[in-house]
């Protein structure tokens, strides 16, 4: 009797694993197609074919193509949020936290530059206002964590007084600029962001630039005048 129960339990676990794997396969396939074809150019039928699934599965798990897209977006945004929260809670100085945020975010964006480019393309459109607002609000929550790290540093005197939101816009904007238009900084070289080794060179270069910028810009100035 106990053996039968164990078999039934194992069978149930196996089915749950199969569902999880299939759901993940659909999300991976969808992200790949969204990056290549954009939201409008991708159909649920294409996603199903790429994932080795069927339309019924997509409808069951996500309800629609928009549901799949939002799940992909939520996964990316939530992943960064977890990183930010972990860094924010670390026993580090304000400067160490901010430098780590920039390093992790730069690596995350450039590693998935095709997705980032697609996301910005979709956010620039007006056909899906509800989707835009939801994504915008989620991203705003992440920016607030970064804002708090900088404000804490200003409060304890480790950072000089600056326009915090302008600084965040400068940092995030620079990262997006490189991810979306890498040729603007690779022109005249053989570097290709789609090549793993070249992408690491570009990423390291960008991280170094941003860390230098942060360190120089935020370090309090010595107001003592010397004769």
C-alpha atoms as a PDB file:
ATOM      1  CA  UNK A   1       0.000   0.000   0.000  1.00  0.00           C
ATOM      2  CA  UNK A   2       2.775   2.412   0.967  1.00  0.00           C
ATOM      3  CA  UNK A   3       4.569   1.608  -2.298  1.00  0.00           C
ATOM      4  CA  UNK A   4       1.450   2.548  -4.254  1.00  0.00           C
ATOM      5  CA  UNK A   5       1.154   5.820  -2.364  1.00  0.00           C
ATOM      6  CA  UNK A   6       4.816   6.623  -3.085  1.00  0.00           C
ATOM      7  CA  UNK A   7       4.275   5.907  -6.757  1.00  0.00           C
ATOM      8  CA  UNK A   8       1.291   8.226  -6.845  1.00  0.00           C
ATOM      9  CA  UNK A   9       3.264  10.956  -5.037  1.00  0.00           C
ATOM     10  CA  UNK A  10       6.205  10.568  -7.420  1.00  0.00           C
ATOM     11  CA  UNK A  11       3.836  10.624 -10.375  1.00  0.00           C
ATOM     12  CA  UNK A  12       2.300  13.852  -9.085  1.00  0.00           C
ATOM     13  CA  UNK A  13       5.744  15.421  -8.610  1.00  0.00           C
ATOM     14  CA  UNK A  14       6.734  14.326 -12.089  1.00  0.00           C
ATOM     15  CA  UNK A  15       3.658  15.985 -13.579  1.00  0.00           C
ATOM     16  CA  UNK A  16       4.333  19.203 -11.688  1.00  0.00           C
ATOM     17  CA  UNK A  17       7.940  19.214 -12.924  1.00  0.00           C
ATOM     18  CA  UNK A  18       6.710  18.637 -16.461  1.00  0.00           C
ATOM     19  CA  UNK A  19       4.319  21.590 -16.168  1.00  0.00           C
ATOM     20  CA  UNK A  20       7.066  23.834 -14.803  1.00  0.00           C
ATOM     21  CA  UNK A  21       9.458  22.800 -17.579  1.00  0.00           C
ATOM     22  CA  UNK A  22       6.843  23.403 -20.273  1.00  0.00           C
ATOM     23  CA  UNK A  23       5.939  26.781 -18.819  1.00  0.00           C
ATOM     24  CA  UNK A  24       9.623  27.765 -18.773  1.00  0.00           C
ATOM     25  CA  UNK A  25      10.044  26.556 -22.343  1.00  0.00           C
ATOM     26  CA  UNK A  26       7.174  28.772 -23.473  1.00  0.00           C
ATOM     27  CA  UNK A  27       8.668  31.820 -21.740  1.00  0.00           C
ATOM     28  CA  UNK A  28      12.131  31.169 -23.213  1.00  0.00           C
ATOM     29  CA  UNK A  29      10.686  30.713 -26.696  1.00  0.00           C
ATOM     30  CA  UNK A  30       8.553  33.834 -26.356  1.00  0.00           C
ATOM     31  CA  UNK A  31      11.467  35.980 -25.193  1.00  0.00           C
ATOM     32  CA  UNK A  32      13.591  34.797 -28.130  1.00  0.00           C
ATOM     33  CA  UNK A  33      10.843  35.579 -30.641  1.00  0.00           C
ATOM     34  CA  UNK A  34       9.916  38.927 -29.075  1.00  0.00           C
ATOM     35  CA  UNK A  35      13.577  39.964 -29.328  1.00  0.00           C
ATOM     36  CA  UNK A  36      13.840  38.871 -32.949  1.00  0.00           C
ATOM     37  CA  UNK A  37      10.417  39.895 -34.282  1.00  0.00           C
ATOM     38  CA  UNK A  38       9.011  42.393 -31.771  1.00  0.00           C
ATOM     39  CA  UNK A  39       5.671  42.101 -29.997  1.00  0.00           C
ATOM     40  CA  UNK A  40       3.488  42.703 -33.047  1.00  0.00           C
ATOM     41  CA  UNK A  41       5.554  40.405 -35.243  1.00  0.00           C
ATOM     42  CA  UNK A  42       5.250  37.467 -32.863  1.00  0.00           C
ATOM     43  CA  UNK A  43       2.176  35.251 -32.724  1.00  0.00           C
ATOM     44  CA  UNK A  44       1.114  32.735 -30.088  1.00  0.00           C
ATOM     45  CA  UNK A  45       1.251  30.090 -32.805  1.00  0.00           C
ATOM     46  CA  UNK A  46       4.942  30.869 -33.397  1.00  0.00           C
ATOM     47  CA  UNK A  47       5.621  30.768 -29.647  1.00  0.00           C
ATOM     48  CA  UNK A  48       3.909  27.393 -29.351  1.00  0.00           C
ATOM     49  CA  UNK A  49       5.902  25.977 -32.259  1.00  0.00           C
ATOM     50  CA  UNK A  50       9.222  27.316 -30.919  1.00  0.00           C
ATOM     51  CA  UNK A  51       8.492  25.916 -27.451  1.00  0.00           C
ATOM     52  CA  UNK A  52       7.245  22.540 -28.664  1.00  0.00           C
ATOM     53  CA  UNK A  53       3.941  23.287 -26.955  1.00  0.00           C
ATOM     54  CA  UNK A  54       0.387  23.810 -28.154  1.00  0.00           C
ATOM     55  CA  UNK A  55      -1.963  26.788 -28.154  1.00  0.00           C
ATOM     56  CA  UNK A  56      -4.034  25.322 -25.335  1.00  0.00           C
ATOM     57  CA  UNK A  57      -0.979  25.340 -23.050  1.00  0.00           C
ATOM     58  CA  UNK A  58      -0.286  29.007 -23.755  1.00  0.00           C
ATOM     59  CA  UNK A  59      -3.912  29.904 -23.071  1.00  0.00           C
ATOM     60  CA  UNK A  60      -3.904  27.814 -19.885  1.00  0.00           C
ATOM     61  CA  UNK A  61      -0.720  29.308 -18.418  1.00  0.00           C
ATOM     62  CA  UNK A  62      -0.859  32.892 -19.704  1.00  0.00           C
ATOM     63  CA  UNK A  63      -4.265  33.597 -21.220  1.00  0.00           C
ATOM     64  CA  UNK A  64      -2.950  35.491 -24.242  1.00  0.00           C
ATOM     65  CA  UNK A  65       0.153  36.780 -26.029  1.00  0.00           C
ATOM     66  CA  UNK A  66       0.034  39.871 -23.820  1.00  0.00           C
ATOM     67  CA  UNK A  67      -0.005  37.571 -20.800  1.00  0.00           C
ATOM     68  CA  UNK A  68       3.138  35.835 -22.042  1.00  0.00           C
ATOM     69  CA  UNK A  69       4.848  39.160 -22.734  1.00  0.00           C
ATOM     70  CA  UNK A  70       4.014  40.529 -19.287  1.00  0.00           C
ATOM     71  CA  UNK A  71       5.292  37.349 -17.637  1.00  0.00           C
ATOM     72  CA  UNK A  72       8.605  37.729 -19.483  1.00  0.00           C
ATOM     73  CA  UNK A  73       8.825  41.395 -18.498  1.00  0.00           C
ATOM     74  CA  UNK A  74       7.851  40.713 -14.885  1.00  0.00           C
ATOM     75  CA  UNK A  75      10.525  38.037 -14.639  1.00  0.00           C
ATOM     76  CA  UNK A  76      13.232  40.428 -15.807  1.00  0.00           C
ATOM     77  CA  UNK A  77      12.103  43.288 -13.592  1.00  0.00           C
ATOM     78  CA  UNK A  78      11.614  41.072 -10.537  1.00  0.00           C
ATOM     79  CA  UNK A  79      15.039  39.519 -11.040  1.00  0.00           C
ATOM     80  CA  UNK A  80      16.672  42.943 -10.914  1.00  0.00           C
ATOM     81  CA  UNK A  81      14.555  43.875  -7.902  1.00  0.00           C
ATOM     82  CA  UNK A  82      15.865  40.854  -6.003  1.00  0.00           C
ATOM     83  CA  UNK A  83      19.422  41.894  -6.860  1.00  0.00           C
ATOM     84  CA  UNK A  84      18.787  45.447  -5.707  1.00  0.00           C
ATOM     85  CA  UNK A  85      17.179  44.369  -2.449  1.00  0.00           C
ATOM     86  CA  UNK A  86      20.079  42.051  -1.691  1.00  0.00           C
ATOM     87  CA  UNK A  87      22.629  44.808  -2.351  1.00  0.00           C
ATOM     88  CA  UNK A  88      20.624  47.355  -0.368  1.00  0.00           C
ATOM     89  CA  UNK A  89      20.536  45.025   2.644  1.00  0.00           C
ATOM     90  CA  UNK A  90      24.251  44.194   2.485  1.00  0.00           C
ATOM     91  CA  UNK A  91      26.536  45.586   5.180  1.00  0.00           C
ATOM     92  CA  UNK A  92      28.361  47.861   2.724  1.00  0.00           C
ATOM     93  CA  UNK A  93      29.086  51.562   2.448  1.00  0.00           C
ATOM     94  CA  UNK A  94      26.866  53.689   0.232  1.00  0.00           C
ATOM     95  CA  UNK A  95      29.599  53.904  -2.401  1.00  0.00           C
ATOM     96  CA  UNK A  96      30.143  50.129  -2.386  1.00  0.00           C
ATOM     97  CA  UNK A  97      26.412  49.528  -2.772  1.00  0.00           C
ATOM     98  CA  UNK A  98      26.047  51.965  -5.661  1.00  0.00           C
ATOM     99  CA  UNK A  99      29.099  50.641  -7.497  1.00  0.00           C
ATOM    100  CA  UNK A 100      27.773  47.094  -7.109  1.00  0.00           C
ATOM    101  CA  UNK A 101      24.343  48.140  -8.410  1.00  0.00           C
ATOM    102  CA  UNK A 102      25.941  49.682 -11.499  1.00  0.00           C
ATOM    103  CA  UNK A 103      28.175  46.666 -12.073  1.00  0.00           C
ATOM    104  CA  UNK A 104      25.331  44.156 -11.741  1.00  0.00           C
ATOM    105  CA  UNK A 105      22.863  46.205 -13.779  1.00  0.00           C
ATOM    106  CA  UNK A 106      25.349  46.852 -16.580  1.00  0.00           C
ATOM    107  CA  UNK A 107      26.198  43.158 -16.798  1.00  0.00           C
ATOM    108  CA  UNK A 108      22.518  42.185 -16.756  1.00  0.00           C
ATOM    109  CA  UNK A 109      21.505  44.650 -19.487  1.00  0.00           C
ATOM    110  CA  UNK A 110      24.397  44.034 -21.871  1.00  0.00           C
ATOM    111  CA  UNK A 111      24.124  40.262 -21.455  1.00  0.00           C
ATOM    112  CA  UNK A 112      20.493  40.610 -22.591  1.00  0.00           C
ATOM    113  CA  UNK A 113      20.904  43.615 -24.878  1.00  0.00           C
ATOM    114  CA  UNK A 114      18.507  42.265 -27.518  1.00  0.00           C
ATOM    115  CA  UNK A 115      15.747  41.980 -24.926  1.00  0.00           C
ATOM    116  CA  UNK A 116      16.501  45.448 -23.564  1.00  0.00           C
ATOM    117  CA  UNK A 117      16.326  46.914 -27.055  1.00  0.00           C
ATOM    118  CA  UNK A 118      13.009  45.191 -27.683  1.00  0.00           C
ATOM    119  CA  UNK A 119      11.624  46.395 -24.339  1.00  0.00           C
ATOM    120  CA  UNK A 120      12.461  50.020 -25.093  1.00  0.00           C
ATOM    121  CA  UNK A 121      10.956  49.694 -28.551  1.00  0.00           C
ATOM    122  CA  UNK A 122       7.708  48.385 -27.086  1.00  0.00           C
ATOM    123  CA  UNK A 123       7.614  51.041 -24.360  1.00  0.00           C
ATOM    124  CA  UNK A 124       7.957  53.753 -26.997  1.00  0.00           C
ATOM    125  CA  UNK A 125       4.685  52.676 -28.634  1.00  0.00           C
ATOM    126  CA  UNK A 126       1.223  53.853 -27.580  1.00  0.00           C
ATOM    127  CA  UNK A 127      -0.933  50.912 -28.679  1.00  0.00           C
ATOM    128  CA  UNK A 128      -0.795  49.200 -25.281  1.00  0.00           C
ATOM    129  CA  UNK A 129      -1.157  51.871 -22.557  1.00  0.00           C
ATOM    130  CA  UNK A 130      -2.123  49.450 -19.767  1.00  0.00           C
ATOM    131  CA  UNK A 131       0.946  47.328 -20.447  1.00  0.00           C
ATOM    132  CA  UNK A 132       3.128  50.438 -20.562  1.00  0.00           C
ATOM    133  CA  UNK A 133       1.832  51.726 -17.205  1.00  0.00           C
ATOM    134  CA  UNK A 134       2.312  48.375 -15.492  1.00  0.00           C
ATOM    135  CA  UNK A 135       5.904  48.005 -16.710  1.00  0.00           C
ATOM    136  CA  UNK A 136       6.683  51.653 -15.957  1.00  0.00           C
ATOM    137  CA  UNK A 137       5.408  51.290 -12.376  1.00  0.00           C
ATOM    138  CA  UNK A 138       7.460  48.145 -11.790  1.00  0.00           C
ATOM    139  CA  UNK A 139      10.609  49.816 -13.099  1.00  0.00           C
ATOM    140  CA  UNK A 140       9.896  52.869 -10.930  1.00  0.00           C
ATOM    141  CA  UNK A 141       9.936  50.662  -7.825  1.00  0.00           C
ATOM    142  CA  UNK A 142      13.444  49.508  -8.716  1.00  0.00           C
ATOM    143  CA  UNK A 143      14.612  53.079  -9.271  1.00  0.00           C
ATOM    144  CA  UNK A 144      13.350  54.020  -5.812  1.00  0.00           C
ATOM    145  CA  UNK A 145      15.702  51.473  -4.245  1.00  0.00           C
ATOM    146  CA  UNK A 146      18.663  53.046  -6.078  1.00  0.00           C
ATOM    147  CA  UNK A 147      17.416  56.495  -5.122  1.00  0.00           C
ATOM    148  CA  UNK A 148      17.328  55.464  -1.461  1.00  0.00           C
ATOM    149  CA  UNK A 149      20.923  54.183  -1.580  1.00  0.00           C
ATOM    150  CA  UNK A 150      22.115  57.539  -2.936  1.00  0.00           C
ATOM    151  CA  UNK A 151      19.987  59.587  -0.536  1.00  0.00           C
ATOM    152  CA  UNK A 152      21.302  57.570   2.419  1.00  0.00           C
ATOM    153  CA  UNK A 153      24.848  58.303   1.256  1.00  0.00           C
ATOM    154  CA  UNK A 154      24.084  62.029   1.042  1.00  0.00           C
ATOM    155  CA  UNK A 155      22.498  61.952   4.479  1.00  0.00           C
ATOM    156  CA  UNK A 156      25.475  60.283   6.165  1.00  0.00           C
ATOM    157  CA  UNK A 157      27.938  62.553   4.383  1.00  0.00           C
ATOM    158  CA  UNK A 158      29.658  59.909   2.250  1.00  0.00           C
ATOM    159  CA  UNK A 159      28.156  61.479  -0.912  1.00  0.00           C
ATOM    160  CA  UNK A 160      28.032  65.145  -1.769  1.00  0.00           C
ATOM    161  CA  UNK A 161      24.678  66.828  -2.397  1.00  0.00           C
ATOM    162  CA  UNK A 162      23.546  66.129  -5.969  1.00  0.00           C
ATOM    163  CA  UNK A 163      20.404  65.945  -8.081  1.00  0.00           C
ATOM    164  CA  UNK A 164      19.699  62.271  -7.362  1.00  0.00           C
ATOM    165  CA  UNK A 165      17.186  61.617 -10.122  1.00  0.00           C
ATOM    166  CA  UNK A 166      19.363  63.304 -12.718  1.00  0.00           C
ATOM    167  CA  UNK A 167      22.253  61.102 -11.626  1.00  0.00           C
ATOM    168  CA  UNK A 168      20.140  57.951 -11.949  1.00  0.00           C
ATOM    169  CA  UNK A 169      18.946  59.093 -15.390  1.00  0.00           C
ATOM    170  CA  UNK A 170      22.576  59.642 -16.412  1.00  0.00           C
ATOM    171  CA  UNK A 171      23.649  56.175 -15.255  1.00  0.00           C
ATOM    172  CA  UNK A 172      20.674  54.241 -16.628  1.00  0.00           C
ATOM    173  CA  UNK A 173      20.596  56.303 -19.796  1.00  0.00           C
ATOM    174  CA  UNK A 174      24.254  55.598 -20.526  1.00  0.00           C
ATOM    175  CA  UNK A 175      23.771  51.862 -20.028  1.00  0.00           C
ATOM    176  CA  UNK A 176      20.710  51.853 -22.299  1.00  0.00           C
ATOM    177  CA  UNK A 177      22.543  53.930 -24.915  1.00  0.00           C
ATOM    178  CA  UNK A 178      25.337  51.358 -25.152  1.00  0.00           C
ATOM    179  CA  UNK A 179      22.929  48.405 -25.140  1.00  0.00           C
ATOM    180  CA  UNK A 180      20.658  49.857 -27.823  1.00  0.00           C
ATOM    181  CA  UNK A 181      23.295  51.534 -30.018  1.00  0.00           C
ATOM    182  CA  UNK A 182      26.619  49.761 -29.326  1.00  0.00           C
ATOM    183  CA  UNK A 183      28.059  50.899 -32.658  1.00  0.00           C
ATOM    184  CA  UNK A 184      28.205  54.441 -31.247  1.00  0.00           C
ATOM    185  CA  UNK A 185      31.107  53.355 -29.016  1.00  0.00           C
ATOM    186  CA  UNK A 186      32.516  50.436 -31.038  1.00  0.00           C
ATOM    187  CA  UNK A 187      32.823  52.330 -34.319  1.00  0.00           C
ATOM    188  CA  UNK A 188      36.347  52.060 -35.709  1.00  0.00           C
ATOM    189  CA  UNK A 189      36.979  48.780 -33.871  1.00  0.00           C
ATOM    190  CA  UNK A 190      36.220  45.128 -34.596  1.00  0.00           C
ATOM    191  CA  UNK A 191      34.157  44.747 -31.422  1.00  0.00           C
ATOM    192  CA  UNK A 192      30.750  43.109 -31.838  1.00  0.00           C
ATOM    193  CA  UNK A 193      28.337  43.092 -28.895  1.00  0.00           C
ATOM    194  CA  UNK A 194      26.842  39.829 -30.164  1.00  0.00           C
ATOM    195  CA  UNK A 195      30.196  38.108 -29.670  1.00  0.00           C
ATOM    196  CA  UNK A 196      30.637  36.848 -26.093  1.00  0.00           C
ATOM    197  CA  UNK A 197      34.286  37.902 -25.719  1.00  0.00           C
ATOM    198  CA  UNK A 198      33.711  41.288 -27.341  1.00  0.00           C
ATOM    199  CA  UNK A 199      30.642  41.880 -25.194  1.00  0.00           C
ATOM    200  CA  UNK A 200      32.725  41.316 -22.063  1.00  0.00           C
ATOM    201  CA  UNK A 201      35.239  43.917 -23.262  1.00  0.00           C
ATOM    202  CA  UNK A 202      32.439  46.414 -23.912  1.00  0.00           C
ATOM    203  CA  UNK A 203      30.796  45.616 -20.559  1.00  0.00           C
ATOM    204  CA  UNK A 204      34.032  46.012 -18.601  1.00  0.00           C
ATOM    205  CA  UNK A 205      34.759  49.282 -20.391  1.00  0.00           C
ATOM    206  CA  UNK A 206      31.306  50.631 -19.563  1.00  0.00           C
ATOM    207  CA  UNK A 207      31.483  49.529 -15.922  1.00  0.00           C
ATOM    208  CA  UNK A 208      34.870  51.211 -15.486  1.00  0.00           C
ATOM    209  CA  UNK A 209      33.575  54.430 -17.035  1.00  0.00           C
ATOM    210  CA  UNK A 210      30.492  54.511 -14.803  1.00  0.00           C
ATOM    211  CA  UNK A 211      32.437  53.677 -11.657  1.00  0.00           C
ATOM    212  CA  UNK A 212      34.896  56.490 -12.404  1.00  0.00           C
ATOM    213  CA  UNK A 213      32.002  58.859 -13.023  1.00  0.00           C
ATOM    214  CA  UNK A 214      30.244  57.910  -9.763  1.00  0.00           C
ATOM    215  CA  UNK A 215      33.385  58.074  -7.654  1.00  0.00           C
ATOM    216  CA  UNK A 216      34.480  61.463  -8.979  1.00  0.00           C
ATOM    217  CA  UNK A 217      30.991  62.970  -9.006  1.00  0.00           C
ATOM    218  CA  UNK A 218      29.763  61.801  -5.606  1.00  0.00           C
ATOM    219  CA  UNK A 219      32.916  62.057  -3.491  1.00  0.00           C
ATOM    220  CA  UNK A 220      32.513  65.131  -1.263  1.00  0.00           C
ATOM    221  CA  UNK A 221      34.733  68.006  -2.304  1.00  0.00           C
ATOM    222  CA  UNK A 222      37.261  69.421   0.129  1.00  0.00           C
ATOM    223  CA  UNK A 223      36.119  72.977   0.687  1.00  0.00           C
ATOM    224  CA  UNK A 224      39.210  73.863   2.708  1.00  0.00           C
ATOM    225  CA  UNK A 225      41.150  76.527   0.827  1.00  0.00           C
ATOM    226  CA  UNK A 226      44.900  76.327   0.874  1.00  0.00           C
ATOM    227  CA  UNK A 227      47.175  79.322   0.369  1.00  0.00           C
END
